[in-house]
């Protein structure tokens, strides 16, 4: 197994040409769009020529690929959302800052934190999973101490000010494009899931991730900030490594004292994710 093949770049597909139902239509659709027709038909809008049958051998495949025509995408700002006006295209809605691996460079950490910008909706699951990956000694981040190393503490703090959200939409795809693809891909659950159903499904996966991370030796603290959703509160309580590891913070003014409390529980300050 090659670790570098486990995580692939996000490629946001071109969506149908209806700006009222789809946020990211950046190509003029041909025979078929996302979720329609055959693969060959869907590729036509990306410049693939029409073919009656798949190429028969390697040379034929090369010639076929070389025959693709260049397409010009519409990278104008999307007007679908009221609070997100980024350019449409394959990288639409893909603007998180790169993850900083474990480091003792305090200046770098402070700089990168200062450059973070809040965008999009809440995905506790993704944050938790990438936090675990950063703490792990395994790829794609390998800076963490090997699991079970004596004298090593692996501590993760999960903070959220919202509930898990998948981004359901009333269109043929069922949602916006996410790390799970579209709702119709059924990687989160049935394509018929309601917004409440997708939140519950994400909560279940988040809890499973927390459970596995704790089995892997990660100590988890959770903070619910200015959010009174009972299900999310229950999720974070269960994710935490114990009752004294969960904090319900109704006002951000109390956040500093919570982190001070966590530092005291840990024993002394350590770099964590």
C-alpha atoms as a PDB file:
ATOM      1  CA  UNK A   1       0.000   0.000   0.000  1.00  0.00           C
ATOM      2  CA  UNK A   2       1.292   3.458  -0.909  1.00  0.00           C
ATOM      3  CA  UNK A   3       0.318   6.059   1.742  1.00  0.00           C
ATOM      4  CA  UNK A   4       0.383   8.879  -0.808  1.00  0.00           C
ATOM      5  CA  UNK A   5      -2.478   7.221  -2.690  1.00  0.00           C
ATOM      6  CA  UNK A   6      -4.840   7.222   0.293  1.00  0.00           C
ATOM      7  CA  UNK A   7      -5.785  10.899  -0.074  1.00  0.00           C
ATOM      8  CA  UNK A   8      -6.615  12.409  -3.441  1.00  0.00           C
ATOM      9  CA  UNK A   9      -7.031  16.086  -4.417  1.00  0.00           C
ATOM     10  CA  UNK A  10     -10.547  17.454  -4.314  1.00  0.00           C
ATOM     11  CA  UNK A  11     -12.029  17.956  -7.783  1.00  0.00           C
ATOM     12  CA  UNK A  12     -15.389  19.709  -7.673  1.00  0.00           C
ATOM     13  CA  UNK A  13     -17.373  18.456 -10.695  1.00  0.00           C
ATOM     14  CA  UNK A  14     -19.129  20.784 -13.095  1.00  0.00           C
ATOM     15  CA  UNK A  15     -22.799  20.858 -12.156  1.00  0.00           C
ATOM     16  CA  UNK A  16     -25.966  21.332 -14.261  1.00  0.00           C
ATOM     17  CA  UNK A  17     -26.637  24.743 -15.792  1.00  0.00           C
ATOM     18  CA  UNK A  18     -29.267  25.918 -13.338  1.00  0.00           C
ATOM     19  CA  UNK A  19     -27.956  28.703 -11.061  1.00  0.00           C
ATOM     20  CA  UNK A  20     -31.042  28.451  -8.829  1.00  0.00           C
ATOM     21  CA  UNK A  21     -30.375  24.824  -7.872  1.00  0.00           C
ATOM     22  CA  UNK A  22     -26.632  24.282  -8.361  1.00  0.00           C
ATOM     23  CA  UNK A  23     -23.798  26.477  -7.047  1.00  0.00           C
ATOM     24  CA  UNK A  24     -21.000  25.369  -9.360  1.00  0.00           C
ATOM     25  CA  UNK A  25     -21.795  25.179 -13.077  1.00  0.00           C
ATOM     26  CA  UNK A  26     -18.578  26.203 -14.833  1.00  0.00           C
ATOM     27  CA  UNK A  27     -18.860  24.359 -18.175  1.00  0.00           C
ATOM     28  CA  UNK A  28     -21.541  24.320 -20.851  1.00  0.00           C
ATOM     29  CA  UNK A  29     -23.122  20.914 -20.387  1.00  0.00           C
ATOM     30  CA  UNK A  30     -23.129  18.533 -23.305  1.00  0.00           C
ATOM     31  CA  UNK A  31     -24.917  15.209 -23.477  1.00  0.00           C
ATOM     32  CA  UNK A  32     -24.805  14.537 -19.747  1.00  0.00           C
ATOM     33  CA  UNK A  33     -23.855  16.178 -16.490  1.00  0.00           C
ATOM     34  CA  UNK A  34     -23.177  14.889 -12.971  1.00  0.00           C
ATOM     35  CA  UNK A  35     -25.195  11.773 -12.231  1.00  0.00           C
ATOM     36  CA  UNK A  36     -26.482  11.434 -15.813  1.00  0.00           C
ATOM     37  CA  UNK A  37     -25.624   9.289 -18.837  1.00  0.00           C
ATOM     38  CA  UNK A  38     -22.496   7.170 -19.276  1.00  0.00           C
ATOM     39  CA  UNK A  39     -18.989   8.096 -18.186  1.00  0.00           C
ATOM     40  CA  UNK A  40     -18.026   8.797 -21.814  1.00  0.00           C
ATOM     41  CA  UNK A  41     -20.991  11.125 -22.205  1.00  0.00           C
ATOM     42  CA  UNK A  42     -20.184  12.965 -18.987  1.00  0.00           C
ATOM     43  CA  UNK A  43     -16.589  13.472 -20.096  1.00  0.00           C
ATOM     44  CA  UNK A  44     -17.706  15.283 -23.259  1.00  0.00           C
ATOM     45  CA  UNK A  45     -18.169  18.550 -21.408  1.00  0.00           C
ATOM     46  CA  UNK A  46     -14.527  18.320 -20.243  1.00  0.00           C
ATOM     47  CA  UNK A  47     -13.334  18.174 -23.848  1.00  0.00           C
ATOM     48  CA  UNK A  48     -13.437  14.450 -24.563  1.00  0.00           C
ATOM     49  CA  UNK A  49     -14.507  13.673 -28.152  1.00  0.00           C
ATOM     50  CA  UNK A  50     -17.499  11.450 -28.819  1.00  0.00           C
ATOM     51  CA  UNK A  51     -16.529   7.805 -29.290  1.00  0.00           C
ATOM     52  CA  UNK A  52     -18.558   4.767 -30.259  1.00  0.00           C
ATOM     53  CA  UNK A  53     -16.459   2.365 -28.138  1.00  0.00           C
ATOM     54  CA  UNK A  54     -13.634   2.509 -25.623  1.00  0.00           C
ATOM     55  CA  UNK A  55     -10.074   2.477 -27.067  1.00  0.00           C
ATOM     56  CA  UNK A  56      -8.907  -1.078 -27.572  1.00  0.00           C
ATOM     57  CA  UNK A  57      -5.272  -0.762 -26.414  1.00  0.00           C
ATOM     58  CA  UNK A  58      -2.717   1.510 -24.769  1.00  0.00           C
ATOM     59  CA  UNK A  59      -1.726   3.327 -27.966  1.00  0.00           C
ATOM     60  CA  UNK A  60      -5.383   3.919 -28.803  1.00  0.00           C
ATOM     61  CA  UNK A  61      -5.921   5.361 -25.330  1.00  0.00           C
ATOM     62  CA  UNK A  62      -2.983   7.766 -25.775  1.00  0.00           C
ATOM     63  CA  UNK A  63      -4.304   8.941 -29.129  1.00  0.00           C
ATOM     64  CA  UNK A  64      -7.756   9.351 -27.639  1.00  0.00           C
ATOM     65  CA  UNK A  65      -6.434  11.464 -24.758  1.00  0.00           C
ATOM     66  CA  UNK A  66      -4.375  13.623 -27.127  1.00  0.00           C
ATOM     67  CA  UNK A  67      -7.515  14.312 -29.150  1.00  0.00           C
ATOM     68  CA  UNK A  68      -9.280  16.053 -26.252  1.00  0.00           C
ATOM     69  CA  UNK A  69     -10.030  19.691 -26.943  1.00  0.00           C
ATOM     70  CA  UNK A  70      -9.337  22.471 -24.482  1.00  0.00           C
ATOM     71  CA  UNK A  71     -12.397  23.877 -22.773  1.00  0.00           C
ATOM     72  CA  UNK A  72     -12.695  27.329 -21.239  1.00  0.00           C
ATOM     73  CA  UNK A  73     -14.368  27.235 -17.814  1.00  0.00           C
ATOM     74  CA  UNK A  74     -16.586  29.986 -16.468  1.00  0.00           C
ATOM     75  CA  UNK A  75     -14.716  31.067 -13.337  1.00  0.00           C
ATOM     76  CA  UNK A  76     -16.965  33.962 -12.447  1.00  0.00           C
ATOM     77  CA  UNK A  77     -18.081  34.271  -8.840  1.00  0.00           C
ATOM     78  CA  UNK A  78     -20.860  31.933  -7.803  1.00  0.00           C
ATOM     79  CA  UNK A  79     -24.032  33.744  -6.781  1.00  0.00           C
ATOM     80  CA  UNK A  80     -25.801  30.711  -5.308  1.00  0.00           C
ATOM     81  CA  UNK A  81     -25.021  31.400  -1.651  1.00  0.00           C
ATOM     82  CA  UNK A  82     -25.627  34.666   0.154  1.00  0.00           C
ATOM     83  CA  UNK A  83     -22.311  34.497   2.016  1.00  0.00           C
ATOM     84  CA  UNK A  84     -19.920  32.804  -0.414  1.00  0.00           C
ATOM     85  CA  UNK A  85     -18.896  34.402  -3.706  1.00  0.00           C
ATOM     86  CA  UNK A  86     -15.753  32.511  -4.692  1.00  0.00           C
ATOM     87  CA  UNK A  87     -14.964  31.692  -8.365  1.00  0.00           C
ATOM     88  CA  UNK A  88     -16.684  28.639  -9.801  1.00  0.00           C
ATOM     89  CA  UNK A  89     -14.527  25.771 -11.038  1.00  0.00           C
ATOM     90  CA  UNK A  90     -12.845  22.511  -9.950  1.00  0.00           C
ATOM     91  CA  UNK A  91     -11.554  24.147  -6.728  1.00  0.00           C
ATOM     92  CA  UNK A  92     -14.845  25.778  -5.760  1.00  0.00           C
ATOM     93  CA  UNK A  93     -15.535  25.616  -2.026  1.00  0.00           C
ATOM     94  CA  UNK A  94     -12.064  24.172  -1.500  1.00  0.00           C
ATOM     95  CA  UNK A  95     -10.286  26.954   0.351  1.00  0.00           C
ATOM     96  CA  UNK A  96      -9.222  25.606   3.768  1.00  0.00           C
ATOM     97  CA  UNK A  97      -5.718  26.593   4.821  1.00  0.00           C
ATOM     98  CA  UNK A  98      -3.071  23.832   4.604  1.00  0.00           C
ATOM     99  CA  UNK A  99      -2.698  21.855   7.828  1.00  0.00           C
ATOM    100  CA  UNK A 100       0.359  22.663   9.915  1.00  0.00           C
ATOM    101  CA  UNK A 101       2.058  19.476  11.058  1.00  0.00           C
ATOM    102  CA  UNK A 102       3.267  19.039  14.647  1.00  0.00           C
ATOM    103  CA  UNK A 103       6.048  21.541  15.327  1.00  0.00           C
ATOM    104  CA  UNK A 104       7.727  23.433  18.144  1.00  0.00           C
ATOM    105  CA  UNK A 105       7.962  26.574  15.989  1.00  0.00           C
ATOM    106  CA  UNK A 106       5.696  28.844  18.043  1.00  0.00           C
ATOM    107  CA  UNK A 107       6.058  31.797  15.660  1.00  0.00           C
ATOM    108  CA  UNK A 108       4.892  29.656  12.735  1.00  0.00           C
ATOM    109  CA  UNK A 109       1.933  28.311  14.695  1.00  0.00           C
ATOM    110  CA  UNK A 110       0.860  31.807  15.763  1.00  0.00           C
ATOM    111  CA  UNK A 111       1.223  33.112  12.198  1.00  0.00           C
ATOM    112  CA  UNK A 112      -0.815  30.281  10.666  1.00  0.00           C
ATOM    113  CA  UNK A 113      -3.566  30.576  13.276  1.00  0.00           C
ATOM    114  CA  UNK A 114      -3.771  34.306  12.608  1.00  0.00           C
ATOM    115  CA  UNK A 115      -4.295  33.658   8.900  1.00  0.00           C
ATOM    116  CA  UNK A 116      -7.236  31.298   9.365  1.00  0.00           C
ATOM    117  CA  UNK A 117     -10.532  32.503   7.884  1.00  0.00           C
ATOM    118  CA  UNK A 118     -13.934  31.071   8.744  1.00  0.00           C
ATOM    119  CA  UNK A 119     -15.874  29.940   5.666  1.00  0.00           C
ATOM    120  CA  UNK A 120     -18.530  27.383   4.860  1.00  0.00           C
ATOM    121  CA  UNK A 121     -20.556  25.263   7.264  1.00  0.00           C
ATOM    122  CA  UNK A 122     -19.639  23.033  10.208  1.00  0.00           C
ATOM    123  CA  UNK A 123     -17.955  19.664   9.721  1.00  0.00           C
ATOM    124  CA  UNK A 124     -16.845  18.352  13.119  1.00  0.00           C
ATOM    125  CA  UNK A 125     -16.062  14.978  11.562  1.00  0.00           C
ATOM    126  CA  UNK A 126     -13.403  16.309   9.169  1.00  0.00           C
ATOM    127  CA  UNK A 127     -11.760  18.411  11.875  1.00  0.00           C
ATOM    128  CA  UNK A 128     -11.619  15.488  14.288  1.00  0.00           C
ATOM    129  CA  UNK A 129     -10.237  13.059  11.715  1.00  0.00           C
ATOM    130  CA  UNK A 130      -7.494  15.381  10.522  1.00  0.00           C
ATOM    131  CA  UNK A 131      -6.568  16.192  14.110  1.00  0.00           C
ATOM    132  CA  UNK A 132      -6.116  12.473  14.734  1.00  0.00           C
ATOM    133  CA  UNK A 133      -4.055  12.063  11.556  1.00  0.00           C
ATOM    134  CA  UNK A 134      -1.734  14.899  12.580  1.00  0.00           C
ATOM    135  CA  UNK A 135      -1.136  13.328  16.013  1.00  0.00           C
ATOM    136  CA  UNK A 136      -0.540   9.899  14.493  1.00  0.00           C
ATOM    137  CA  UNK A 137       2.872   8.619  13.422  1.00  0.00           C
ATOM    138  CA  UNK A 138       1.267   7.277  10.248  1.00  0.00           C
ATOM    139  CA  UNK A 139       0.884   8.898   6.844  1.00  0.00           C
ATOM    140  CA  UNK A 140      -0.029  11.405   5.540  1.00  0.00           C
ATOM    141  CA  UNK A 141       1.511  13.054   8.638  1.00  0.00           C
ATOM    142  CA  UNK A 142       4.289  11.148  10.377  1.00  0.00           C
ATOM    143  CA  UNK A 143       5.620  13.758  12.817  1.00  0.00           C
ATOM    144  CA  UNK A 144       3.789  12.233  15.798  1.00  0.00           C
ATOM    145  CA  UNK A 145       5.547   9.830  18.151  1.00  0.00           C
ATOM    146  CA  UNK A 146       4.950   6.170  17.450  1.00  0.00           C
ATOM    147  CA  UNK A 147       1.805   4.928  19.142  1.00  0.00           C
ATOM    148  CA  UNK A 148       2.526   3.465  22.582  1.00  0.00           C
ATOM    149  CA  UNK A 149       5.771   5.407  23.079  1.00  0.00           C
ATOM    150  CA  UNK A 150       6.459   5.675  26.822  1.00  0.00           C
ATOM    151  CA  UNK A 151       6.155   9.171  28.292  1.00  0.00           C
ATOM    152  CA  UNK A 152       4.247  10.558  25.298  1.00  0.00           C
ATOM    153  CA  UNK A 153       0.825  12.174  25.555  1.00  0.00           C
ATOM    154  CA  UNK A 154      -1.300  12.709  22.460  1.00  0.00           C
ATOM    155  CA  UNK A 155      -3.932  15.319  23.200  1.00  0.00           C
ATOM    156  CA  UNK A 156      -6.621  16.632  20.873  1.00  0.00           C
ATOM    157  CA  UNK A 157      -8.998  19.505  21.580  1.00  0.00           C
ATOM    158  CA  UNK A 158     -12.204  19.528  19.515  1.00  0.00           C
ATOM    159  CA  UNK A 159     -13.976  22.892  19.556  1.00  0.00           C
ATOM    160  CA  UNK A 160     -17.148  23.660  17.660  1.00  0.00           C
ATOM    161  CA  UNK A 161     -19.664  26.478  17.628  1.00  0.00           C
ATOM    162  CA  UNK A 162     -22.162  24.608  15.450  1.00  0.00           C
ATOM    163  CA  UNK A 163     -23.696  21.279  14.498  1.00  0.00           C
ATOM    164  CA  UNK A 164     -22.514  18.914  11.776  1.00  0.00           C
ATOM    165  CA  UNK A 165     -23.876  20.022   8.402  1.00  0.00           C
ATOM    166  CA  UNK A 166     -23.736  18.139   5.102  1.00  0.00           C
ATOM    167  CA  UNK A 167     -25.163  20.883   2.881  1.00  0.00           C
ATOM    168  CA  UNK A 168     -28.372  19.252   1.632  1.00  0.00           C
ATOM    169  CA  UNK A 169     -29.924  20.965  -1.394  1.00  0.00           C
ATOM    170  CA  UNK A 170     -33.238  20.399  -3.222  1.00  0.00           C
ATOM    171  CA  UNK A 171     -31.610  19.340  -6.500  1.00  0.00           C
ATOM    172  CA  UNK A 172     -30.893  16.103  -8.347  1.00  0.00           C
ATOM    173  CA  UNK A 173     -27.583  15.632  -6.490  1.00  0.00           C
ATOM    174  CA  UNK A 174     -29.126  16.113  -3.060  1.00  0.00           C
ATOM    175  CA  UNK A 175     -26.402  18.427  -1.799  1.00  0.00           C
ATOM    176  CA  UNK A 176     -23.447  20.603  -2.571  1.00  0.00           C
ATOM    177  CA  UNK A 177     -20.140  18.816  -3.266  1.00  0.00           C
ATOM    178  CA  UNK A 178     -18.460  17.667  -0.045  1.00  0.00           C
ATOM    179  CA  UNK A 179     -15.610  15.469   1.183  1.00  0.00           C
ATOM    180  CA  UNK A 180     -18.144  12.619   0.864  1.00  0.00           C
ATOM    181  CA  UNK A 181     -19.095  13.610  -2.671  1.00  0.00           C
ATOM    182  CA  UNK A 182     -22.800  14.316  -3.175  1.00  0.00           C
ATOM    183  CA  UNK A 183     -25.684  12.926  -1.170  1.00  0.00           C
ATOM    184  CA  UNK A 184     -26.624  10.724  -4.141  1.00  0.00           C
ATOM    185  CA  UNK A 185     -23.236   8.984  -3.818  1.00  0.00           C
ATOM    186  CA  UNK A 186     -24.594   7.528  -0.551  1.00  0.00           C
ATOM    187  CA  UNK A 187     -21.249   7.633   1.265  1.00  0.00           C
ATOM    188  CA  UNK A 188     -22.876   9.273   4.274  1.00  0.00           C
ATOM    189  CA  UNK A 189     -26.124   7.289   4.111  1.00  0.00           C
ATOM    190  CA  UNK A 190     -29.186   6.869   1.875  1.00  0.00           C
ATOM    191  CA  UNK A 191     -29.767   9.505  -0.804  1.00  0.00           C
ATOM    192  CA  UNK A 192     -33.156  10.225   0.773  1.00  0.00           C
ATOM    193  CA  UNK A 193     -31.672  11.581   4.017  1.00  0.00           C
ATOM    194  CA  UNK A 194     -33.091  14.880   5.222  1.00  0.00           C
ATOM    195  CA  UNK A 195     -30.807  17.637   6.596  1.00  0.00           C
ATOM    196  CA  UNK A 196     -31.516  16.293  10.079  1.00  0.00           C
ATOM    197  CA  UNK A 197     -30.716  12.787   8.855  1.00  0.00           C
ATOM    198  CA  UNK A 198     -27.372  13.781   7.367  1.00  0.00           C
ATOM    199  CA  UNK A 199     -26.447  15.562  10.602  1.00  0.00           C
ATOM    200  CA  UNK A 200     -27.242  12.396  12.575  1.00  0.00           C
ATOM    201  CA  UNK A 201     -25.201  10.294  10.143  1.00  0.00           C
ATOM    202  CA  UNK A 202     -22.229  12.654  10.458  1.00  0.00           C
ATOM    203  CA  UNK A 203     -22.578  12.619  14.255  1.00  0.00           C
ATOM    204  CA  UNK A 204     -22.418   8.813  14.226  1.00  0.00           C
ATOM    205  CA  UNK A 205     -19.267   8.825  12.090  1.00  0.00           C
ATOM    206  CA  UNK A 206     -17.740  11.522  14.305  1.00  0.00           C
ATOM    207  CA  UNK A 207     -18.362   9.438  17.413  1.00  0.00           C
ATOM    208  CA  UNK A 208     -16.877   6.367  15.709  1.00  0.00           C
ATOM    209  CA  UNK A 209     -13.798   8.416  14.835  1.00  0.00           C
ATOM    210  CA  UNK A 210     -13.451   9.676  18.414  1.00  0.00           C
ATOM    211  CA  UNK A 211     -13.811   6.141  19.753  1.00  0.00           C
ATOM    212  CA  UNK A 212     -11.102   4.816  17.442  1.00  0.00           C
ATOM    213  CA  UNK A 213      -8.786   7.757  18.156  1.00  0.00           C
ATOM    214  CA  UNK A 214      -9.085   7.113  21.907  1.00  0.00           C
ATOM    215  CA  UNK A 215      -8.302   3.436  21.323  1.00  0.00           C
ATOM    216  CA  UNK A 216      -5.245   4.668  19.422  1.00  0.00           C
ATOM    217  CA  UNK A 217      -4.011   6.464  22.527  1.00  0.00           C
ATOM    218  CA  UNK A 218      -5.351   9.969  21.890  1.00  0.00           C
ATOM    219  CA  UNK A 219      -6.744  11.889  24.870  1.00  0.00           C
ATOM    220  CA  UNK A 220      -9.662  14.064  23.731  1.00  0.00           C
ATOM    221  CA  UNK A 221     -11.019  17.278  25.213  1.00  0.00           C
ATOM    222  CA  UNK A 222     -14.168  18.746  23.658  1.00  0.00           C
ATOM    223  CA  UNK A 223     -15.602  22.259  23.790  1.00  0.00           C
ATOM    224  CA  UNK A 224     -19.107  23.280  22.736  1.00  0.00           C
ATOM    225  CA  UNK A 225     -19.028  27.039  22.194  1.00  0.00           C
ATOM    226  CA  UNK A 226     -22.205  29.131  22.193  1.00  0.00           C
ATOM    227  CA  UNK A 227     -24.303  26.270  20.793  1.00  0.00           C
ATOM    228  CA  UNK A 228     -27.335  24.825  22.609  1.00  0.00           C
ATOM    229  CA  UNK A 229     -28.065  21.865  20.320  1.00  0.00           C
ATOM    230  CA  UNK A 230     -28.708  18.869  22.595  1.00  0.00           C
ATOM    231  CA  UNK A 231     -27.531  16.248  20.079  1.00  0.00           C
ATOM    232  CA  UNK A 232     -24.225  18.026  19.482  1.00  0.00           C
ATOM    233  CA  UNK A 233     -23.742  18.422  23.216  1.00  0.00           C
ATOM    234  CA  UNK A 234     -24.315  14.689  23.697  1.00  0.00           C
ATOM    235  CA  UNK A 235     -21.916  13.908  20.838  1.00  0.00           C
ATOM    236  CA  UNK A 236     -19.092  15.955  22.347  1.00  0.00           C
ATOM    237  CA  UNK A 237     -19.701  14.498  25.805  1.00  0.00           C
ATOM    238  CA  UNK A 238     -19.306  11.000  24.352  1.00  0.00           C
ATOM    239  CA  UNK A 239     -16.309  11.997  22.232  1.00  0.00           C
ATOM    240  CA  UNK A 240     -14.437  13.342  25.258  1.00  0.00           C
ATOM    241  CA  UNK A 241     -12.120  11.060  27.220  1.00  0.00           C
ATOM    242  CA  UNK A 242     -14.170  11.623  30.372  1.00  0.00           C
ATOM    243  CA  UNK A 243     -16.807  13.823  31.974  1.00  0.00           C
ATOM    244  CA  UNK A 244     -14.116  16.284  33.075  1.00  0.00           C
ATOM    245  CA  UNK A 245     -12.874  16.536  29.462  1.00  0.00           C
ATOM    246  CA  UNK A 246     -16.088  18.107  28.113  1.00  0.00           C
ATOM    247  CA  UNK A 247     -16.798  21.842  28.397  1.00  0.00           C
ATOM    248  CA  UNK A 248     -20.068  23.566  27.510  1.00  0.00           C
ATOM    249  CA  UNK A 249     -19.139  27.229  27.032  1.00  0.00           C
ATOM    250  CA  UNK A 250     -22.201  29.488  26.590  1.00  0.00           C
ATOM    251  CA  UNK A 251     -20.119  32.629  26.054  1.00  0.00           C
ATOM    252  CA  UNK A 252     -16.793  33.068  24.264  1.00  0.00           C
ATOM    253  CA  UNK A 253     -15.558  35.321  27.068  1.00  0.00           C
ATOM    254  CA  UNK A 254     -15.095  32.155  29.152  1.00  0.00           C
ATOM    255  CA  UNK A 255     -13.055  30.337  26.517  1.00  0.00           C
ATOM    256  CA  UNK A 256      -9.660  31.455  27.831  1.00  0.00           C
ATOM    257  CA  UNK A 257     -10.375  30.046  31.296  1.00  0.00           C
ATOM    258  CA  UNK A 258     -11.430  26.732  29.737  1.00  0.00           C
ATOM    259  CA  UNK A 259      -8.120  26.369  27.917  1.00  0.00           C
ATOM    260  CA  UNK A 260      -6.312  27.315  31.125  1.00  0.00           C
ATOM    261  CA  UNK A 261      -8.200  24.506  32.866  1.00  0.00           C
ATOM    262  CA  UNK A 262      -7.224  22.058  30.118  1.00  0.00           C
ATOM    263  CA  UNK A 263      -3.556  23.024  30.442  1.00  0.00           C
ATOM    264  CA  UNK A 264      -3.723  22.368  34.183  1.00  0.00           C
ATOM    265  CA  UNK A 265      -5.327  18.951  33.580  1.00  0.00           C
ATOM    266  CA  UNK A 266      -2.658  18.023  31.080  1.00  0.00           C
ATOM    267  CA  UNK A 267       0.046  18.844  33.615  1.00  0.00           C
ATOM    268  CA  UNK A 268       2.147  21.190  31.560  1.00  0.00           C
ATOM    269  CA  UNK A 269       1.796  22.869  28.123  1.00  0.00           C
ATOM    270  CA  UNK A 270       2.472  20.601  25.160  1.00  0.00           C
ATOM    271  CA  UNK A 271       2.005  21.065  21.427  1.00  0.00           C
ATOM    272  CA  UNK A 272      -1.159  19.375  20.278  1.00  0.00           C
ATOM    273  CA  UNK A 273      -3.616  19.517  17.423  1.00  0.00           C
END
